[in-house]
Protein backbone atom coordinates (compact mmCIF):
# COMPACT_ATOMS: atom_id res chain seq x y z
CA MET A 1 0.19 -0.04 0.44
CA ARG A 2 3.24 2.46 0.96
CA ILE A 3 4.72 1.92 -2.50
CA ALA A 4 1.05 2.32 -4.49
CA GLY A 5 0.57 5.06 -2.34
CA LYS A 6 4.44 6.76 -3.51
CA VAL A 7 3.42 5.55 -7.33
CA LEU A 8 0.12 7.88 -6.88
CA CYS A 9 1.92 10.72 -5.48
CA LEU A 10 4.50 10.98 -8.28
CA LEU A 11 1.94 10.35 -10.89
CA ILE A 12 -0.08 13.36 -8.99
CA LEU A 13 3.20 15.76 -9.30
CA CYS A 14 4.19 14.83 -12.64
CA ILE A 15 0.64 15.25 -14.05
CA GLY A 16 0.52 18.96 -11.64
CA ALA A 17 4.29 19.55 -13.59
CA GLN A 18 3.14 19.01 -17.13
CA SER A 19 -0.14 21.65 -16.23
CA ALA A 20 2.09 23.86 -15.26
CA SER A 21 4.36 23.58 -17.62
CA LEU A 22 1.89 23.99 -20.16
CA GLY A 23 -0.08 26.99 -18.68
CA GLN A 24 3.38 28.55 -18.92
CA ALA A 25 3.93 28.18 -22.46
CA GLY A 26 0.93 30.86 -23.24
CA ARG A 27 2.15 34.67 -22.98
CA GLU A 28 -0.40 37.14 -23.48
CA ILE A 29 0.28 40.37 -25.91
CA LYS A 30 -1.76 43.85 -24.74
CA LYS A 31 -1.82 46.88 -26.24
CA THR A 32 -4.86 49.87 -26.28
CA LEU A 33 -4.61 52.47 -29.62
CA PRO A 34 -7.07 55.46 -29.61
CA LEU A 35 -9.45 55.20 -32.88
CA ALA A 36 -12.05 57.83 -34.58
CA ALA A 37 -15.51 56.53 -33.81
CA ASP A 38 -15.47 56.00 -37.89
CA GLY A 39 -12.06 54.23 -38.10
CA ALA A 40 -11.31 51.15 -38.84
CA VAL A 41 -10.43 48.11 -37.88
CA SER A 42 -8.44 44.99 -39.92
CA ILE A 43 -7.83 41.62 -38.89
CA GLU A 44 -5.90 39.16 -40.38
CA THR A 45 -5.77 35.66 -38.13
CA PHE A 46 -5.72 31.58 -39.00
CA LYS A 47 -6.45 29.88 -36.17
CA GLY A 48 -8.36 30.52 -32.43
CA ASN A 49 -11.10 32.58 -31.06
CA VAL A 50 -12.06 36.12 -32.19
CA THR A 51 -14.31 38.03 -29.80
CA ILE A 52 -14.90 41.48 -30.22
CA THR A 53 -17.13 43.92 -28.00
CA ALA A 54 -18.23 47.14 -29.67
CA TRP A 55 -18.18 50.35 -27.11
CA ASP A 56 -18.36 53.67 -26.96
CA SER A 57 -14.96 54.90 -26.29
CA PRO A 58 -12.33 56.17 -28.63
CA GLN A 59 -10.19 53.79 -28.94
CA VAL A 60 -9.34 49.88 -29.45
CA GLU A 61 -8.18 47.79 -26.14
CA ILE A 62 -6.40 44.17 -27.29
CA VAL A 63 -5.82 41.35 -26.04
CA ALA A 64 -3.70 38.54 -27.56
CA ARG A 65 -3.43 35.25 -26.02
CA ILE A 66 -0.97 33.17 -27.71
CA GLU A 67 -1.61 29.36 -26.09
CA PRO A 68 0.08 26.17 -27.74
CA ASP A 69 -2.69 23.79 -29.88
CA GLY A 70 -1.54 19.60 -28.51
CA ILE A 71 1.23 18.75 -27.06
CA SER A 72 4.68 18.63 -28.22
CA PRO A 73 7.93 19.14 -27.05
CA ASN A 74 8.38 22.17 -29.11
CA ASP A 75 4.90 23.83 -28.47
CA ALA A 76 6.97 26.36 -26.01
CA GLU A 77 9.21 28.14 -28.52
CA ASN A 78 6.71 27.51 -31.42
CA VAL A 79 4.47 29.63 -28.51
CA GLN A 80 7.65 32.01 -28.46
CA ASN A 81 8.25 32.19 -32.12
CA THR A 82 4.17 33.39 -32.74
CA ASP A 83 3.49 36.88 -32.52
CA VAL A 84 0.87 39.66 -32.98
CA ARG A 85 1.60 42.51 -35.58
CA ILE A 86 -0.18 45.44 -34.25
CA GLU A 87 0.12 48.88 -36.41
CA ALA A 88 -1.99 52.15 -36.32
CA SER A 89 -2.10 54.38 -39.74
CA GLY A 90 -4.31 57.32 -39.86
CA ASP A 91 -7.85 56.11 -38.72
CA SER A 92 -7.00 52.58 -38.99
CA VAL A 93 -6.31 49.94 -36.97
CA LEU A 94 -4.23 46.60 -38.37
CA ILE A 95 -4.05 43.66 -36.09
CA LYS A 96 -2.65 40.50 -37.78
CA SER A 97 -1.57 37.02 -36.43
CA ASP A 98 2.37 36.38 -37.68
CA TYR A 99 3.82 33.17 -37.65
CA GLU A 100 6.66 34.00 -40.05
CA LYS A 101 9.19 32.99 -37.23
CA VAL A 102 7.86 29.02 -36.57
CA SER A 103 9.60 26.62 -39.15
CA ARG A 104 7.29 26.29 -42.41
CA HIS A 105 7.03 22.46 -41.82
CA THR A 106 4.45 23.30 -38.55
CA PHE A 107 1.91 24.82 -40.52
CA GLY A 108 -0.94 21.63 -40.03
CA PHE A 109 0.59 18.84 -37.74
CA ASP A 110 3.56 17.35 -37.17
CA GLU A 111 4.00 14.62 -34.24
CA ASN A 112 7.21 16.22 -33.56
CA GLN A 113 6.78 19.73 -34.45
CA GLY A 114 3.91 20.33 -33.09
CA SER A 115 0.98 22.57 -35.28
CA LEU A 116 0.75 25.98 -34.87
CA PRO A 117 -0.32 28.06 -31.74
CA LEU A 118 -3.30 28.79 -31.20
CA ILE A 119 -4.68 32.79 -31.34
CA ASN A 120 -7.35 34.06 -28.86
CA TYR A 121 -8.25 37.48 -29.24
CA THR A 122 -10.45 39.76 -27.40
CA ILE A 123 -11.08 43.41 -28.38
CA LYS A 124 -12.88 46.26 -27.65
CA MET A 125 -13.47 49.02 -30.56
CA PRO A 126 -15.82 51.76 -31.36
CA ALA A 127 -19.45 50.84 -32.63
CA THR A 128 -19.35 53.05 -35.27
CA ALA A 129 -15.85 51.40 -36.94
CA ARG A 130 -15.72 49.47 -39.58
CA LEU A 131 -14.82 45.96 -39.06
CA ASN A 132 -12.89 43.93 -41.86
CA ILE A 133 -12.00 40.19 -41.00
CA THR A 134 -9.94 37.47 -42.66
CA ASP A 135 -9.82 34.22 -41.38
CA GLN A 136 -8.89 30.33 -41.52
CA ARG A 137 -10.05 28.15 -38.92
CA SER A 138 -11.31 30.93 -35.95
CA THR A 139 -14.58 31.22 -33.60
CA THR A 140 -15.73 34.87 -34.04
CA ARG A 141 -18.14 36.45 -31.99
CA ILE A 142 -19.28 40.09 -32.36
CA ASP A 143 -21.35 41.85 -30.26
CA ARG A 144 -23.15 45.31 -30.95
CA LEU A 145 -21.75 46.67 -33.82
CA ARG A 146 -23.39 49.31 -35.58
CA SER A 147 -21.63 50.08 -38.79
CA ASP A 148 -19.85 48.65 -41.84
CA LEU A 149 -18.94 44.43 -41.48
CA ARG A 150 -16.73 42.36 -44.11
CA ILE A 151 -15.38 38.47 -42.90
CA HIS A 152 -14.30 36.32 -44.86
CA THR A 153 -13.43 32.44 -43.36
CA HIS A 154 -12.39 29.39 -44.22
CA ARG A 155 -14.02 26.54 -42.48
CA GLY A 156 -14.82 29.60 -39.47
CA SER A 157 -17.57 29.98 -37.45
CA VAL A 158 -19.05 33.10 -36.90
CA VAL A 159 -21.77 34.56 -34.43
CA VAL A 160 -23.16 38.14 -34.64
CA THR A 161 -25.44 39.74 -31.90
CA GLY A 162 -27.08 43.41 -31.73
CA PHE A 163 -25.99 44.07 -35.24
CA GLN A 164 -27.04 47.28 -36.68
CA GLY A 165 -24.84 47.84 -40.14
CA SER A 166 -24.56 46.76 -43.46
CA ILE A 167 -22.86 43.39 -43.54
CA ASN A 168 -20.90 41.64 -46.35
CA LEU A 169 -20.76 37.67 -45.33
CA GLU A 170 -18.06 34.73 -47.19
CA THR A 171 -17.90 31.47 -45.64
CA HIS A 172 -16.10 27.97 -47.64
CA ARG A 173 -17.05 25.40 -45.14
CA GLY A 174 -18.10 27.47 -41.95
CA ASP A 175 -21.06 28.14 -40.60
CA ALA A 176 -22.63 31.62 -39.02
CA ARG A 177 -25.62 33.14 -37.22
CA VAL A 178 -26.41 36.73 -37.85
CA GLU A 179 -28.66 38.70 -35.63
CA PHE A 180 -30.10 42.19 -36.52
CA ALA A 181 -31.04 44.64 -33.89
CA SER A 182 -32.13 46.93 -37.13
CA LEU A 183 -32.47 46.71 -40.52
CA GLY A 184 -30.95 50.11 -42.05
CA ARG A 185 -28.40 49.23 -44.96
CA ASP A 186 -27.89 46.43 -47.85
CA SER A 187 -25.98 42.94 -46.84
CA ARG A 188 -24.64 39.95 -48.26
CA PHE A 189 -24.49 36.71 -47.43
CA GLU A 190 -22.33 34.10 -49.69
CA THR A 191 -21.04 30.49 -48.57
CA HIS A 192 -19.99 27.26 -50.48
CA ARG A 193 -20.83 24.24 -48.46
CA GLY A 194 -21.71 26.20 -45.57
CA ASP A 195 -24.33 27.08 -43.73
CA ILE A 196 -25.45 30.73 -42.78
CA GLU A 197 -28.40 31.86 -40.18
CA VAL A 198 -29.78 35.19 -40.19
CA VAL A 199 -31.72 36.79 -38.27
CA VAL A 200 -34.40 40.20 -38.92
CA PRO A 201 -36.59 41.82 -36.70
CA ARG A 202 -40.16 40.43 -36.37
CA GLY A 203 -41.79 42.82 -38.65
CA GLY A 204 -38.69 44.80 -40.58
CA GLY A 205 -38.97 45.43 -44.67
CA PHE A 206 -36.62 44.15 -46.63
CA ASN A 207 -35.89 43.20 -50.21
CA LEU A 208 -34.90 39.77 -50.91
CA ASP A 209 -32.63 38.24 -53.39
CA SER A 210 -31.71 34.79 -52.88
CA SER A 211 -29.82 32.29 -55.36
CA VAL A 212 -29.21 28.83 -53.92
CA GLY A 213 -27.42 26.74 -56.53
CA LYS A 214 -27.52 22.72 -56.70
CA GLY A 215 -27.78 20.46 -53.23
CA GLY A 216 -28.42 24.17 -50.96
CA SER A 217 -31.78 24.88 -49.52
CA LEU A 218 -33.44 28.37 -48.13
CA ASP A 219 -35.43 27.57 -45.21
CA SER A 220 -37.52 30.31 -43.58
CA ASP A 221 -40.66 31.52 -41.39
CA ILE A 222 -41.37 33.93 -43.86
CA ASP A 223 -44.01 32.67 -46.67
CA LEU A 224 -41.68 32.72 -49.61
CA ARG A 225 -43.76 31.25 -52.08
CA ALA A 226 -44.48 34.44 -53.80
CA LEU A 227 -41.43 35.24 -54.11
CA VAL A 228 -40.26 32.30 -56.49
CA GLN A 229 -39.24 33.43 -59.56
CA SER A 230 -37.02 30.72 -60.79
CA GLN A 231 -36.18 26.89 -60.40
CA ASP A 232 -34.62 24.06 -62.16
CA ARG A 233 -33.59 21.00 -60.76
CA ARG A 234 -30.44 22.63 -60.20
CA SER A 235 -31.37 26.21 -58.32
CA ILE A 236 -34.41 28.35 -56.93
CA ARG A 237 -34.18 32.29 -57.09
CA TYR A 238 -36.24 33.98 -54.67
CA GLY A 239 -36.64 37.98 -55.52
CA GLY A 240 -39.20 41.22 -53.82
CA ALA A 241 -40.10 42.86 -50.95
CA VAL A 242 -40.73 41.28 -47.74
CA ASN A 243 -43.18 43.61 -45.55
CA GLY A 244 -43.10 46.66 -47.77
CA GLY A 245 -39.49 46.45 -48.99
CA GLY A 246 -36.15 47.77 -47.39
CA PRO A 247 -32.87 47.49 -47.89
CA LEU A 248 -31.20 44.43 -50.02
CA LEU A 249 -30.64 40.79 -48.38
CA HIS A 250 -28.35 38.93 -51.27
CA MET A 251 -27.90 35.09 -50.34
CA ALA A 252 -26.44 33.10 -53.15
CA GLY A 253 -24.98 30.01 -52.40
CA ASP A 254 -23.37 26.61 -53.77
CA ARG A 255 -24.41 23.86 -51.77
CA GLY A 256 -25.25 25.90 -48.87
CA HIS A 257 -27.70 26.11 -46.58
CA PHE A 258 -29.49 29.75 -45.07
CA ARG A 259 -32.47 29.92 -42.69
CA LEU A 260 -34.07 32.82 -42.56
CA GLN A 261 -36.01 34.31 -39.31
CA GLN A 262 -37.58 36.79 -38.04
CA ARG A 263 -37.89 37.82 -33.76
């Protein structure tokens, strides 16, 4: 029993040491920059989390946490070689995940070298500033933005809430949910093999322009039968005014699935 007890203690110590080592492998970058209410924020990233909250302060607050994605002998080195470039120019701020110092063969996964680290962003920015995001595999959350939003993601996941603005969203094998607090400007949604859900205010007017290709679908709690403009075995196209008309909602997809809801 004493031997078993000693072995158990050693295992606990080893696990604790390994956990502490993994915790120390991560590092954090913080920066705050002034930004006018009509400025612009651009984000270029690869994988991790991007959480953006809009506020009324004329500045951008950036916290980037770089962490290992897996367990390998090179994780700590890869984290140290990963950086975040933050550049301010005029009324714009660029935030870019920088893996240039990480060996090229670590892209993807190699059991000896490990995979590229995750970069988890927590960002606060002016609610009326424009936002552009280019992403590969991140989970992105945006809340209370009231300006133009452009997102291009590959295999990423996007959730936008409390949105009041114009959005241009393009996904490839990703999923997205966008909840409008109000409809004021034209918006565009396109996907290839992805799922996009759009939630608009109940009773709000808009013009729908939707083309869904073979293998795709558009489901809605709005009766769209009167808006069918053309239909064949490969595609179906909807167009026309809903609730008296208003800003344009454009939806197009190749083997993509759309859900349009009122709430």
